[in-house]
Amino acid sequence: MKIIKSLAFVGAMMAGTAVAAQEQFITIGTGGQTGVYFVVGQSICRLVNRGTAEHNLKCTAPSTGGSIANINAIMAGDMDMGVAQSDWQYHAYNGSSEFEGNKFDGGRAVFSVHGEPFTVIARADAGIATFADLKGKRVNIGNPGSGQYATMQVVMDALGWTMDDFALASELKPAEQAAALGDNKVDAIIYTVGHPNGSIQEAVSTVEAVLIPVTGPEIDALIAENPYYAAASIPGGMYEGTADETNTFGVKATFVTSADVDDEVVYQVVKAVFDNFDRFKRLHPAFENLTEEQMIKDGLSAPLHPGAERYYKERGWM
C-alpha cells in the first residue's frame, strides 16, 4: 500500500513538473510608469495571465525607456513584444532615421492602440505661448531611447534648431519631468503621449501651466511628407488651466513584435485582448474610444504578424 502511495506521489510530482515546464514566459516592453505605455503593457499582461491555465503563457510588462528602447530589445531578442510610436515602428522596419544602418526587417505589427499627440506643457510664468518661444528656455526633451526624445529631434531638424538653441536641454524620464516643472528646474516639458496622462495631471496640479500648440508650415510639411504623422488636438478642459483645445500633430501607439516570435504566442495575446475588448477599454481613459476596426489597420507601418492575422481572419475582420 505504501509503495502504491509513493508511486502515486511521484507520478503527481512528475505531472506537476511537466505542466510547469510547458509554461512560457513573455515580456512586453512599455515605458515610464506614469505614461500610458506602461498601462498598455500591464493591461495586456493582465488579460493574458487570466488565461494562463488554458494557454500556459505568463506575461510581464516592466517599465522601460520607451519606443526605441523597446524596438531595440525586441530586435535583440531580449523582449518578445512592446509598445512603440507608429513613426518609430516605420523607421525600424525601413532602416531610416534613428535606425539607419540597423534595419529591423523582422519587425512585425500586431495592432495599434491610442493616439498620441506631441504635447508641450510650459510653466505659465515662463513667457511661452508658441513652440518658437521655447528658444532660449530650459526644456526637458525626454530620455534617450524614448519616442518623445526622437520625435523632438525630428521637429528640431524641421525647424533648423539644435540643442544649443535652449538654455538647457534636460533628458529626464517621464516620471521625473513633472516634478522638475513644478520645482522650476525647467520651463517646459515635451511628451508624446495619450491623454489624459498622469504625469501632466501631476504637473498642472503643482504649478500653473499651459499646453502649447505645435503648428506652422514646418509641422504641416512633416504631416504631408510622412504617413505615420497626422494632425491632432488635445481637448480643452482635460487639464487644469487648459480650457481651450490645443492643436498639434501626433502618432499612434502601436503594439509590435518580431517575426521570430511564435505564431501561437502572438495569436493567444491578441485573442486575450480582443476576446475581452470591453474589459480592456475600461483599463484606461485613453482606451475608451478604441474600435477593433481602427486597431487592426491604423498606424501599422510594418507587416502584420501571422499570429495576429490568423485571429483577425477568424473574427471575419480581414
C-alpha atoms as a PDB file:
ATOM      1  CA  MET A   1       0.000   0.000   0.000  1.00  0.00           C
ATOM      2  CA  LYS A   2       2.874   2.363   0.867  1.00  0.00           C
ATOM      3  CA  ILE A   3       4.544   1.556  -2.459  1.00  0.00           C
ATOM      4  CA  ILE A   4       1.367   2.415  -4.376  1.00  0.00           C
ATOM      5  CA  LYS A   5       1.039   5.730  -2.498  1.00  0.00           C
ATOM      6  CA  SER A   6       4.688   6.520  -3.175  1.00  0.00           C
ATOM      7  CA  LEU A   7       4.279   5.792  -6.862  1.00  0.00           C
ATOM      8  CA  ALA A   8       1.176   7.969  -6.952  1.00  0.00           C
ATOM      9  CA  PHE A   9       3.076  10.803  -5.239  1.00  0.00           C
ATOM     10  CA  VAL A  10       5.986  10.512  -7.694  1.00  0.00           C
ATOM     11  CA  GLY A  11       3.526  10.461 -10.591  1.00  0.00           C
ATOM     12  CA  ALA A  12       1.796  13.586  -9.322  1.00  0.00           C
ATOM     13  CA  MET A  13       5.142  15.340  -8.887  1.00  0.00           C
ATOM     14  CA  MET A  14       6.188  14.426 -12.430  1.00  0.00           C
ATOM     15  CA  ALA A  15       2.868  15.630 -13.817  1.00  0.00           C
ATOM     16  CA  GLY A  16       3.252  18.923 -11.957  1.00  0.00           C
ATOM     17  CA  THR A  17       6.769  19.330 -13.319  1.00  0.00           C
ATOM     18  CA  ALA A  18       5.523  18.653 -16.849  1.00  0.00           C
ATOM     19  CA  VAL A  19       2.841  21.343 -16.506  1.00  0.00           C
ATOM     20  CA  ALA A  20       5.362  23.820 -15.144  1.00  0.00           C
ATOM     21  CA  ALA A  21       7.759  23.007 -17.975  1.00  0.00           C
ATOM     22  CA  GLN A  22       5.085  23.872 -20.511  1.00  0.00           C
ATOM     23  CA  GLU A  23       4.644  27.382 -19.155  1.00  0.00           C
ATOM     24  CA  GLN A  24       6.154  30.043 -21.405  1.00  0.00           C
ATOM     25  CA  PHE A  25       7.096  33.484 -20.150  1.00  0.00           C
ATOM     26  CA  ILE A  26       6.731  36.501 -22.425  1.00  0.00           C
ATOM     27  CA  THR A  27       7.933  40.037 -21.787  1.00  0.00           C
ATOM     28  CA  ILE A  28       6.331  43.239 -23.089  1.00  0.00           C
ATOM     29  CA  GLY A  29       8.328  46.486 -23.209  1.00  0.00           C
ATOM     30  CA  THR A  30       6.377  49.542 -22.065  1.00  0.00           C
ATOM     31  CA  GLY A  31       7.613  52.986 -20.970  1.00  0.00           C
ATOM     32  CA  GLY A  32       7.756  55.182 -17.870  1.00  0.00           C
ATOM     33  CA  GLN A  33       5.422  54.232 -15.027  1.00  0.00           C
ATOM     34  CA  THR A  34       3.442  57.479 -15.321  1.00  0.00           C
ATOM     35  CA  GLY A  35       2.804  57.026 -19.057  1.00  0.00           C
ATOM     36  CA  VAL A  36       0.093  55.208 -20.968  1.00  0.00           C
ATOM     37  CA  TYR A  37       2.582  52.713 -22.496  1.00  0.00           C
ATOM     38  CA  PHE A  38       3.073  51.212 -19.058  1.00  0.00           C
ATOM     39  CA  VAL A  39      -0.700  50.846 -18.692  1.00  0.00           C
ATOM     40  CA  VAL A  40      -0.948  49.261 -22.170  1.00  0.00           C
ATOM     41  CA  GLY A  41       1.601  46.591 -21.314  1.00  0.00           C
ATOM     42  CA  GLN A  42       0.214  45.953 -17.844  1.00  0.00           C
ATOM     43  CA  SER A  43      -3.339  45.727 -19.234  1.00  0.00           C
ATOM     44  CA  ILE A  44      -2.376  43.250 -21.948  1.00  0.00           C
ATOM     45  CA  CYS A  45      -0.489  41.122 -19.426  1.00  0.00           C
ATOM     46  CA  ARG A  46      -3.437  41.176 -17.032  1.00  0.00           C
ATOM     47  CA  LEU A  47      -5.705  39.771 -19.743  1.00  0.00           C
ATOM     48  CA  VAL A  48      -3.134  37.212 -20.917  1.00  0.00           C
ATOM     49  CA  ASN A  49      -2.494  35.988 -17.381  1.00  0.00           C
ATOM     50  CA  ARG A  50      -6.224  35.474 -16.790  1.00  0.00           C
ATOM     51  CA  GLY A  51      -5.998  32.621 -19.316  1.00  0.00           C
ATOM     52  CA  THR A  52      -2.674  31.066 -18.265  1.00  0.00           C
ATOM     53  CA  ALA A  53      -4.357  27.789 -17.318  1.00  0.00           C
ATOM     54  CA  GLU A  54      -5.565  27.435 -20.913  1.00  0.00           C
ATOM     55  CA  HIS A  55      -2.573  28.581 -22.967  1.00  0.00           C
ATOM     56  CA  ASN A  56       0.305  28.312 -20.435  1.00  0.00           C
ATOM     57  CA  LEU A  57       1.574  31.807 -21.183  1.00  0.00           C
ATOM     58  CA  LYS A  58       2.738  34.063 -18.356  1.00  0.00           C
ATOM     59  CA  CYS A  59       3.274  37.710 -19.135  1.00  0.00           C
ATOM     60  CA  THR A  60       5.319  40.502 -17.542  1.00  0.00           C
ATOM     61  CA  ALA A  61       5.474  44.157 -18.627  1.00  0.00           C
ATOM     62  CA  PRO A  62       8.329  46.048 -16.959  1.00  0.00           C
ATOM     63  CA  SER A  63       8.876  49.788 -17.209  1.00  0.00           C
ATOM     64  CA  THR A  64      11.382  50.653 -19.974  1.00  0.00           C
ATOM     65  CA  GLY A  65      12.906  53.615 -21.780  1.00  0.00           C
ATOM     66  CA  GLY A  66      10.086  53.722 -24.349  1.00  0.00           C
ATOM     67  CA  SER A  67       9.593  53.214 -28.090  1.00  0.00           C
ATOM     68  CA  ILE A  68      13.126  52.933 -29.434  1.00  0.00           C
ATOM     69  CA  ALA A  69      14.386  51.040 -26.407  1.00  0.00           C
ATOM     70  CA  ASN A  70      11.538  48.544 -26.840  1.00  0.00           C
ATOM     71  CA  ILE A  71      12.202  48.020 -30.540  1.00  0.00           C
ATOM     72  CA  ASN A  72      15.926  47.523 -29.903  1.00  0.00           C
ATOM     73  CA  ALA A  73      15.138  44.996 -27.158  1.00  0.00           C
ATOM     74  CA  ILE A  74      12.779  43.062 -29.456  1.00  0.00           C
ATOM     75  CA  MET A  75      15.374  43.167 -32.229  1.00  0.00           C
ATOM     76  CA  ALA A  76      17.992  41.752 -29.844  1.00  0.00           C
ATOM     77  CA  GLY A  77      15.621  39.029 -28.626  1.00  0.00           C
ATOM     78  CA  ASP A  78      15.573  40.434 -25.085  1.00  0.00           C
ATOM     79  CA  MET A  79      11.822  41.118 -25.228  1.00  0.00           C
ATOM     80  CA  ASP A  80       9.028  39.424 -27.131  1.00  0.00           C
ATOM     81  CA  MET A  81       6.734  42.389 -27.734  1.00  0.00           C
ATOM     82  CA  GLY A  82       6.486  46.059 -26.919  1.00  0.00           C
ATOM     83  CA  VAL A  83       4.703  49.358 -27.364  1.00  0.00           C
ATOM     84  CA  ALA A  84       6.150  51.888 -29.802  1.00  0.00           C
ATOM     85  CA  GLN A  85       5.134  55.023 -31.643  1.00  0.00           C
ATOM     86  CA  SER A  86       3.981  54.314 -35.190  1.00  0.00           C
ATOM     87  CA  ASP A  87       6.742  56.501 -36.638  1.00  0.00           C
ATOM     88  CA  TRP A  88       9.496  54.507 -34.935  1.00  0.00           C
ATOM     89  CA  GLN A  89       7.872  51.251 -35.963  1.00  0.00           C
ATOM     90  CA  TYR A  90       8.104  52.568 -39.531  1.00  0.00           C
ATOM     91  CA  HIS A  91      11.703  53.742 -39.246  1.00  0.00           C
ATOM     92  CA  ALA A  92      12.843  50.477 -37.659  1.00  0.00           C
ATOM     93  CA  TYR A  93      11.283  48.350 -40.393  1.00  0.00           C
ATOM     94  CA  ASN A  94      12.634  50.597 -43.171  1.00  0.00           C
ATOM     95  CA  GLY A  95      16.052  51.259 -41.642  1.00  0.00           C
ATOM     96  CA  SER A  96      15.611  55.030 -41.669  1.00  0.00           C
ATOM     97  CA  SER A  97      16.152  57.899 -39.230  1.00  0.00           C
ATOM     98  CA  GLU A  98      17.395  56.552 -35.871  1.00  0.00           C
ATOM     99  CA  PHE A  99      17.558  53.041 -37.409  1.00  0.00           C
ATOM    100  CA  GLU A 100      19.695  53.911 -40.420  1.00  0.00           C
ATOM    101  CA  GLY A 101      22.181  51.065 -40.834  1.00  0.00           C
ATOM    102  CA  ASN A 102      20.241  48.966 -38.329  1.00  0.00           C
ATOM    103  CA  LYS A 103      17.188  47.901 -40.313  1.00  0.00           C
ATOM    104  CA  PHE A 104      14.730  45.650 -38.485  1.00  0.00           C
ATOM    105  CA  ASP A 105      13.077  43.888 -41.415  1.00  0.00           C
ATOM    106  CA  GLY A 106      11.917  41.208 -38.971  1.00  0.00           C
ATOM    107  CA  GLY A 107       9.716  43.755 -37.227  1.00  0.00           C
ATOM    108  CA  ARG A 108       6.022  42.906 -37.238  1.00  0.00           C
ATOM    109  CA  ALA A 109       2.910  44.865 -36.299  1.00  0.00           C
ATOM    110  CA  VAL A 110       0.241  43.384 -34.026  1.00  0.00           C
ATOM    111  CA  PHE A 111      -2.294  46.194 -33.508  1.00  0.00           C
ATOM    112  CA  SER A 112      -2.435  49.901 -32.768  1.00  0.00           C
ATOM    113  CA  VAL A 113      -3.750  51.449 -29.602  1.00  0.00           C
ATOM    114  CA  HIS A 114      -4.469  55.090 -28.713  1.00  0.00           C
ATOM    115  CA  GLY A 115      -3.496  58.297 -30.483  1.00  0.00           C
ATOM    116  CA  GLU A 116      -0.502  60.197 -29.106  1.00  0.00           C
ATOM    117  CA  PRO A 117      -0.358  63.953 -29.609  1.00  0.00           C
ATOM    118  CA  PHE A 118       3.066  65.611 -29.439  1.00  0.00           C
ATOM    119  CA  THR A 119       2.491  67.592 -26.258  1.00  0.00           C
ATOM    120  CA  VAL A 120       4.273  70.642 -24.870  1.00  0.00           C
ATOM    121  CA  ILE A 121       3.484  71.862 -21.332  1.00  0.00           C
ATOM    122  CA  ALA A 122       5.028  75.105 -20.084  1.00  0.00           C
ATOM    123  CA  ARG A 123       5.016  76.992 -16.801  1.00  0.00           C
ATOM    124  CA  ALA A 124       2.581  79.897 -17.069  1.00  0.00           C
ATOM    125  CA  ASP A 125       5.248  82.259 -15.780  1.00  0.00           C
ATOM    126  CA  ALA A 126       7.855  81.216 -18.399  1.00  0.00           C
ATOM    127  CA  GLY A 127       6.614  83.513 -21.164  1.00  0.00           C
ATOM    128  CA  ILE A 128       5.950  80.664 -23.601  1.00  0.00           C
ATOM    129  CA  ALA A 129       2.896  80.964 -25.856  1.00  0.00           C
ATOM    130  CA  THR A 130       4.131  79.249 -29.050  1.00  0.00           C
ATOM    131  CA  PHE A 131       6.588  76.494 -29.849  1.00  0.00           C
ATOM    132  CA  ALA A 132       9.031  79.101 -31.179  1.00  0.00           C
ATOM    133  CA  ASP A 133       9.124  80.620 -27.684  1.00  0.00           C
ATOM    134  CA  LEU A 134      10.983  77.535 -26.435  1.00  0.00           C
ATOM    135  CA  LYS A 135      14.187  79.009 -27.839  1.00  0.00           C
ATOM    136  CA  GLY A 136      16.410  80.173 -25.016  1.00  0.00           C
ATOM    137  CA  LYS A 137      14.340  78.299 -22.411  1.00  0.00           C
ATOM    138  CA  ARG A 138      15.001  75.287 -20.173  1.00  0.00           C
ATOM    139  CA  VAL A 139      13.251  72.360 -21.851  1.00  0.00           C
ATOM    140  CA  ASN A 140      13.024  68.686 -20.938  1.00  0.00           C
ATOM    141  CA  ILE A 141      13.175  66.839 -24.259  1.00  0.00           C
ATOM    142  CA  GLY A 142      12.867  63.341 -22.776  1.00  0.00           C
ATOM    143  CA  ASN A 143      15.190  60.448 -22.109  1.00  0.00           C
ATOM    144  CA  PRO A 144      17.283  58.954 -24.935  1.00  0.00           C
ATOM    145  CA  GLY A 145      15.576  55.814 -26.235  1.00  0.00           C
ATOM    146  CA  SER A 146      12.102  57.291 -25.825  1.00  0.00           C
ATOM    147  CA  GLY A 147       9.776  58.221 -28.669  1.00  0.00           C
ATOM    148  CA  GLN A 148       9.342  61.729 -27.304  1.00  0.00           C
ATOM    149  CA  TYR A 149      13.097  62.377 -27.441  1.00  0.00           C
ATOM    150  CA  ALA A 150      13.379  61.095 -31.014  1.00  0.00           C
ATOM    151  CA  THR A 151      10.275  62.950 -32.228  1.00  0.00           C
ATOM    152  CA  MET A 152      11.569  66.165 -30.654  1.00  0.00           C
ATOM    153  CA  GLN A 153      14.731  65.681 -32.710  1.00  0.00           C
ATOM    154  CA  VAL A 154      12.582  65.406 -35.853  1.00  0.00           C
ATOM    155  CA  VAL A 155      10.745  68.639 -35.026  1.00  0.00           C
ATOM    156  CA  MET A 156      14.016  70.413 -34.247  1.00  0.00           C
ATOM    157  CA  ASP A 157      15.505  69.281 -37.561  1.00  0.00           C
ATOM    158  CA  ALA A 158      12.422  70.546 -39.402  1.00  0.00           C
ATOM    159  CA  LEU A 159      12.858  73.944 -37.738  1.00  0.00           C
ATOM    160  CA  GLY A 160      16.635  74.008 -38.158  1.00  0.00           C
ATOM    161  CA  TRP A 161      17.202  74.021 -34.392  1.00  0.00           C
ATOM    162  CA  THR A 162      19.968  72.407 -32.355  1.00  0.00           C
ATOM    163  CA  MET A 163      20.380  71.738 -28.632  1.00  0.00           C
ATOM    164  CA  ASP A 164      22.323  74.992 -28.423  1.00  0.00           C
ATOM    165  CA  ASP A 165      19.069  76.882 -29.034  1.00  0.00           C
ATOM    166  CA  PHE A 166      17.956  76.017 -25.481  1.00  0.00           C
ATOM    167  CA  ALA A 167      19.295  77.438 -22.246  1.00  0.00           C
ATOM    168  CA  LEU A 168      19.036  73.841 -21.008  1.00  0.00           C
ATOM    169  CA  ALA A 169      18.002  70.627 -22.791  1.00  0.00           C
ATOM    170  CA  SER A 170      17.433  68.129 -19.995  1.00  0.00           C
ATOM    171  CA  GLU A 171      16.840  64.405 -20.581  1.00  0.00           C
ATOM    172  CA  LEU A 172      14.625  63.470 -17.658  1.00  0.00           C
ATOM    173  CA  LYS A 173      12.340  60.452 -17.756  1.00  0.00           C
ATOM    174  CA  PRO A 174       8.543  60.941 -17.715  1.00  0.00           C
ATOM    175  CA  ALA A 175       8.354  60.081 -14.011  1.00  0.00           C
ATOM    176  CA  GLU A 176      10.802  62.911 -13.216  1.00  0.00           C
ATOM    177  CA  GLN A 177       9.701  65.708 -15.522  1.00  0.00           C
ATOM    178  CA  ALA A 178       6.515  66.843 -13.749  1.00  0.00           C
ATOM    179  CA  ALA A 179       8.410  67.486 -10.513  1.00  0.00           C
ATOM    180  CA  ALA A 180      11.116  69.342 -12.449  1.00  0.00           C
ATOM    181  CA  LEU A 181       8.477  71.666 -13.919  1.00  0.00           C
ATOM    182  CA  GLY A 182       6.876  72.245 -10.519  1.00  0.00           C
ATOM    183  CA  ASP A 183      10.257  72.874  -8.865  1.00  0.00           C
ATOM    184  CA  ASN A 184      11.162  75.451 -11.539  1.00  0.00           C
ATOM    185  CA  LYS A 185      14.085  73.396 -12.810  1.00  0.00           C
ATOM    186  CA  VAL A 186      12.687  73.525 -16.360  1.00  0.00           C
ATOM    187  CA  ASP A 187      10.366  75.943 -18.146  1.00  0.00           C
ATOM    188  CA  ALA A 188       8.662  73.340 -20.344  1.00  0.00           C
ATOM    189  CA  ILE A 189       8.414  69.606 -20.892  1.00  0.00           C
ATOM    190  CA  ILE A 190       7.869  67.600 -24.087  1.00  0.00           C
ATOM    191  CA  TYR A 191       5.762  64.441 -24.086  1.00  0.00           C
ATOM    192  CA  THR A 192       4.378  62.290 -26.909  1.00  0.00           C
ATOM    193  CA  VAL A 193       1.599  60.557 -25.029  1.00  0.00           C
ATOM    194  CA  GLY A 194      -2.045  59.534 -24.869  1.00  0.00           C
ATOM    195  CA  HIS A 195      -4.431  61.685 -22.873  1.00  0.00           C
ATOM    196  CA  PRO A 196      -5.417  62.060 -20.102  1.00  0.00           C
ATOM    197  CA  ASN A 197      -1.964  61.457 -18.651  1.00  0.00           C
ATOM    198  CA  GLY A 198      -0.937  61.185 -15.016  1.00  0.00           C
ATOM    199  CA  SER A 199       2.385  62.990 -15.412  1.00  0.00           C
ATOM    200  CA  ILE A 200       0.718  66.017 -16.988  1.00  0.00           C
ATOM    201  CA  GLN A 201      -2.042  65.998 -14.370  1.00  0.00           C
ATOM    202  CA  GLU A 202       0.661  65.991 -11.693  1.00  0.00           C
ATOM    203  CA  ALA A 203       2.438  68.902 -13.383  1.00  0.00           C
ATOM    204  CA  VAL A 204      -0.615  71.147 -13.677  1.00  0.00           C
ATOM    205  CA  SER A 205      -1.674  70.382 -10.107  1.00  0.00           C
ATOM    206  CA  THR A 206       1.660  71.566  -8.664  1.00  0.00           C
ATOM    207  CA  VAL A 207       2.244  74.686 -10.772  1.00  0.00           C
ATOM    208  CA  GLU A 208       0.171  76.913 -13.034  1.00  0.00           C
ATOM    209  CA  ALA A 209       0.899  75.583 -16.511  1.00  0.00           C
ATOM    210  CA  VAL A 210      -0.388  75.770 -20.074  1.00  0.00           C
ATOM    211  CA  LEU A 211      -0.434  73.498 -23.122  1.00  0.00           C
ATOM    212  CA  ILE A 212       1.425  74.986 -26.094  1.00  0.00           C
ATOM    213  CA  PRO A 213       0.231  74.479 -29.704  1.00  0.00           C
ATOM    214  CA  VAL A 214       2.645  72.853 -32.143  1.00  0.00           C
ATOM    215  CA  THR A 215       1.629  74.192 -35.542  1.00  0.00           C
ATOM    216  CA  GLY A 216       3.014  76.030 -38.548  1.00  0.00           C
ATOM    217  CA  PRO A 217       4.261  75.354 -42.092  1.00  0.00           C
ATOM    218  CA  GLU A 218       7.116  73.103 -40.941  1.00  0.00           C
ATOM    219  CA  ILE A 219       4.692  70.913 -38.994  1.00  0.00           C
ATOM    220  CA  ASP A 220       2.279  70.872 -41.941  1.00  0.00           C
ATOM    221  CA  ALA A 221       5.153  69.645 -44.126  1.00  0.00           C
ATOM    222  CA  LEU A 222       6.016  66.869 -41.662  1.00  0.00           C
ATOM    223  CA  ILE A 223       2.412  65.676 -41.762  1.00  0.00           C
ATOM    224  CA  ALA A 224       2.232  65.862 -45.571  1.00  0.00           C
ATOM    225  CA  GLU A 225       5.509  64.027 -46.122  1.00  0.00           C
ATOM    226  CA  ASN A 226       5.157  61.234 -43.540  1.00  0.00           C
ATOM    227  CA  PRO A 227       2.190  58.833 -43.483  1.00  0.00           C
ATOM    228  CA  TYR A 228       2.702  57.993 -39.793  1.00  0.00           C
ATOM    229  CA  TYR A 229       2.035  61.605 -38.691  1.00  0.00           C
ATOM    230  CA  ALA A 230      -1.387  63.235 -38.524  1.00  0.00           C
ATOM    231  CA  ALA A 231      -2.880  66.464 -37.221  1.00  0.00           C
ATOM    232  CA  ALA A 232      -4.037  66.018 -33.635  1.00  0.00           C
ATOM    233  CA  SER A 233      -5.614  68.003 -30.842  1.00  0.00           C
ATOM    234  CA  ILE A 234      -5.868  67.828 -27.067  1.00  0.00           C
ATOM    235  CA  PRO A 235      -9.430  68.599 -25.903  1.00  0.00           C
ATOM    236  CA  GLY A 236      -9.996  71.676 -23.785  1.00  0.00           C
ATOM    237  CA  GLY A 237     -10.848  71.141 -20.149  1.00  0.00           C
ATOM    238  CA  MET A 238      -8.860  67.931 -19.837  1.00  0.00           C
ATOM    239  CA  TYR A 239      -6.295  69.589 -17.577  1.00  0.00           C
ATOM    240  CA  GLU A 240      -6.475  72.434 -15.109  1.00  0.00           C
ATOM    241  CA  GLY A 241      -5.718  75.746 -16.813  1.00  0.00           C
ATOM    242  CA  THR A 242      -6.356  74.476 -20.362  1.00  0.00           C
ATOM    243  CA  ALA A 243      -9.908  75.447 -21.224  1.00  0.00           C
ATOM    244  CA  ASP A 244      -9.352  75.582 -24.998  1.00  0.00           C
ATOM    245  CA  GLU A 245      -8.438  72.851 -27.465  1.00  0.00           C
ATOM    246  CA  THR A 246      -4.709  72.676 -28.229  1.00  0.00           C
ATOM    247  CA  ASN A 247      -3.700  71.900 -31.812  1.00  0.00           C
ATOM    248  CA  THR A 248      -0.606  69.820 -32.537  1.00  0.00           C
ATOM    249  CA  PHE A 249       0.343  66.706 -34.502  1.00  0.00           C
ATOM    250  CA  GLY A 250       0.809  63.140 -33.420  1.00  0.00           C
ATOM    251  CA  VAL A 251       1.304  59.445 -33.965  1.00  0.00           C
ATOM    252  CA  LYS A 252      -0.337  56.196 -32.894  1.00  0.00           C
ATOM    253  CA  ALA A 253       0.837  53.966 -30.094  1.00  0.00           C
ATOM    254  CA  THR A 254       1.347  50.540 -31.667  1.00  0.00           C
ATOM    255  CA  PHE A 255       1.903  47.061 -30.286  1.00  0.00           C
ATOM    256  CA  VAL A 256       4.814  45.411 -32.076  1.00  0.00           C
ATOM    257  CA  THR A 257       6.786  42.178 -32.115  1.00  0.00           C
ATOM    258  CA  SER A 258       9.251  40.178 -34.199  1.00  0.00           C
ATOM    259  CA  ALA A 259       8.754  37.606 -36.930  1.00  0.00           C
ATOM    260  CA  ASP A 260      10.799  35.284 -34.691  1.00  0.00           C
ATOM    261  CA  VAL A 261       8.066  35.195 -32.029  1.00  0.00           C
ATOM    262  CA  ASP A 262       5.936  32.061 -32.376  1.00  0.00           C
ATOM    263  CA  ASP A 263       2.634  32.488 -34.241  1.00  0.00           C
ATOM    264  CA  GLU A 264       0.679  30.748 -31.475  1.00  0.00           C
ATOM    265  CA  VAL A 265       2.080  33.087 -28.824  1.00  0.00           C
ATOM    266  CA  VAL A 266       1.046  36.197 -30.747  1.00  0.00           C
ATOM    267  CA  TYR A 267      -2.337  34.642 -31.553  1.00  0.00           C
ATOM    268  CA  GLN A 268      -3.052  33.982 -27.856  1.00  0.00           C
ATOM    269  CA  VAL A 269      -2.011  37.516 -26.827  1.00  0.00           C
ATOM    270  CA  VAL A 270      -4.245  39.082 -29.489  1.00  0.00           C
ATOM    271  CA  LYS A 271      -7.092  36.748 -28.535  1.00  0.00           C
ATOM    272  CA  ALA A 272      -6.738  37.723 -24.860  1.00  0.00           C
ATOM    273  CA  VAL A 273      -7.167  41.402 -25.775  1.00  0.00           C
ATOM    274  CA  PHE A 274      -9.971  41.213 -28.314  1.00  0.00           C
ATOM    275  CA  ASP A 275     -11.960  38.431 -26.633  1.00  0.00           C
ATOM    276  CA  ASN A 276     -12.057  40.769 -23.623  1.00  0.00           C
ATOM    277  CA  PHE A 277     -12.223  44.042 -25.521  1.00  0.00           C
ATOM    278  CA  ASP A 278     -14.768  45.811 -23.308  1.00  0.00           C
ATOM    279  CA  ARG A 279     -12.704  44.941 -20.249  1.00  0.00           C
ATOM    280  CA  PHE A 280      -9.543  46.232 -21.979  1.00  0.00           C
ATOM    281  CA  LYS A 281     -11.167  49.563 -22.853  1.00  0.00           C
ATOM    282  CA  ARG A 282     -12.076  50.140 -19.196  1.00  0.00           C
ATOM    283  CA  LEU A 283      -8.444  49.891 -18.054  1.00  0.00           C
ATOM    284  CA  HIS A 284      -7.513  53.478 -19.062  1.00  0.00           C
ATOM    285  CA  PRO A 285      -9.479  56.542 -20.269  1.00  0.00           C
ATOM    286  CA  ALA A 286      -7.226  56.733 -23.374  1.00  0.00           C
ATOM    287  CA  PHE A 287      -8.679  53.363 -24.498  1.00  0.00           C
ATOM    288  CA  GLU A 288     -12.306  54.445 -24.160  1.00  0.00           C
ATOM    289  CA  ASN A 289     -12.977  55.233 -27.837  1.00  0.00           C
ATOM    290  CA  LEU A 290     -10.904  52.455 -29.403  1.00  0.00           C
ATOM    291  CA  THR A 291     -12.531  50.279 -32.051  1.00  0.00           C
ATOM    292  CA  GLU A 292     -11.416  46.901 -33.380  1.00  0.00           C
ATOM    293  CA  GLU A 293     -11.589  48.194 -36.948  1.00  0.00           C
ATOM    294  CA  GLN A 294      -9.143  51.038 -36.290  1.00  0.00           C
ATOM    295  CA  MET A 295      -6.775  48.983 -34.148  1.00  0.00           C
ATOM    296  CA  ILE A 296      -6.109  46.347 -36.818  1.00  0.00           C
ATOM    297  CA  LYS A 297      -5.181  48.838 -39.553  1.00  0.00           C
ATOM    298  CA  ASP A 298      -4.354  52.361 -38.290  1.00  0.00           C
ATOM    299  CA  GLY A 299      -0.690  53.145 -37.695  1.00  0.00           C
ATOM    300  CA  LEU A 300       0.560  49.696 -38.721  1.00  0.00           C
ATOM    301  CA  SER A 301       3.705  50.597 -40.657  1.00  0.00           C
ATOM    302  CA  ALA A 302       5.275  47.123 -40.631  1.00  0.00           C
ATOM    303  CA  PRO A 303       3.791  43.843 -41.931  1.00  0.00           C
ATOM    304  CA  LEU A 304       1.184  42.201 -39.728  1.00  0.00           C
ATOM    305  CA  HIS A 305       2.406  39.219 -37.704  1.00  0.00           C
ATOM    306  CA  PRO A 306       0.844  35.940 -38.964  1.00  0.00           C
ATOM    307  CA  GLY A 307      -0.420  35.105 -35.480  1.00  0.00           C
ATOM    308  CA  ALA A 308      -2.383  38.357 -35.337  1.00  0.00           C
ATOM    309  CA  GLU A 309      -3.589  37.941 -38.909  1.00  0.00           C
ATOM    310  CA  ARG A 310      -4.907  34.460 -38.079  1.00  0.00           C
ATOM    311  CA  TYR A 311      -7.057  35.825 -35.256  1.00  0.00           C
ATOM    312  CA  TYR A 312      -8.387  38.749 -37.319  1.00  0.00           C
ATOM    313  CA  LYS A 313      -9.385  36.385 -40.137  1.00  0.00           C
ATOM    314  CA  GLU A 314     -11.117  34.069 -37.683  1.00  0.00           C
ATOM    315  CA  ARG A 315     -13.183  37.021 -36.483  1.00  0.00           C
ATOM    316  CA  GLY A 316     -14.052  37.959 -40.077  1.00  0.00           C
ATOM    317  CA  TRP A 317     -12.263  41.303 -39.819  1.00  0.00           C
ATOM    318  CA  MET A 318      -9.963  40.574 -42.773  1.00  0.00           C
END
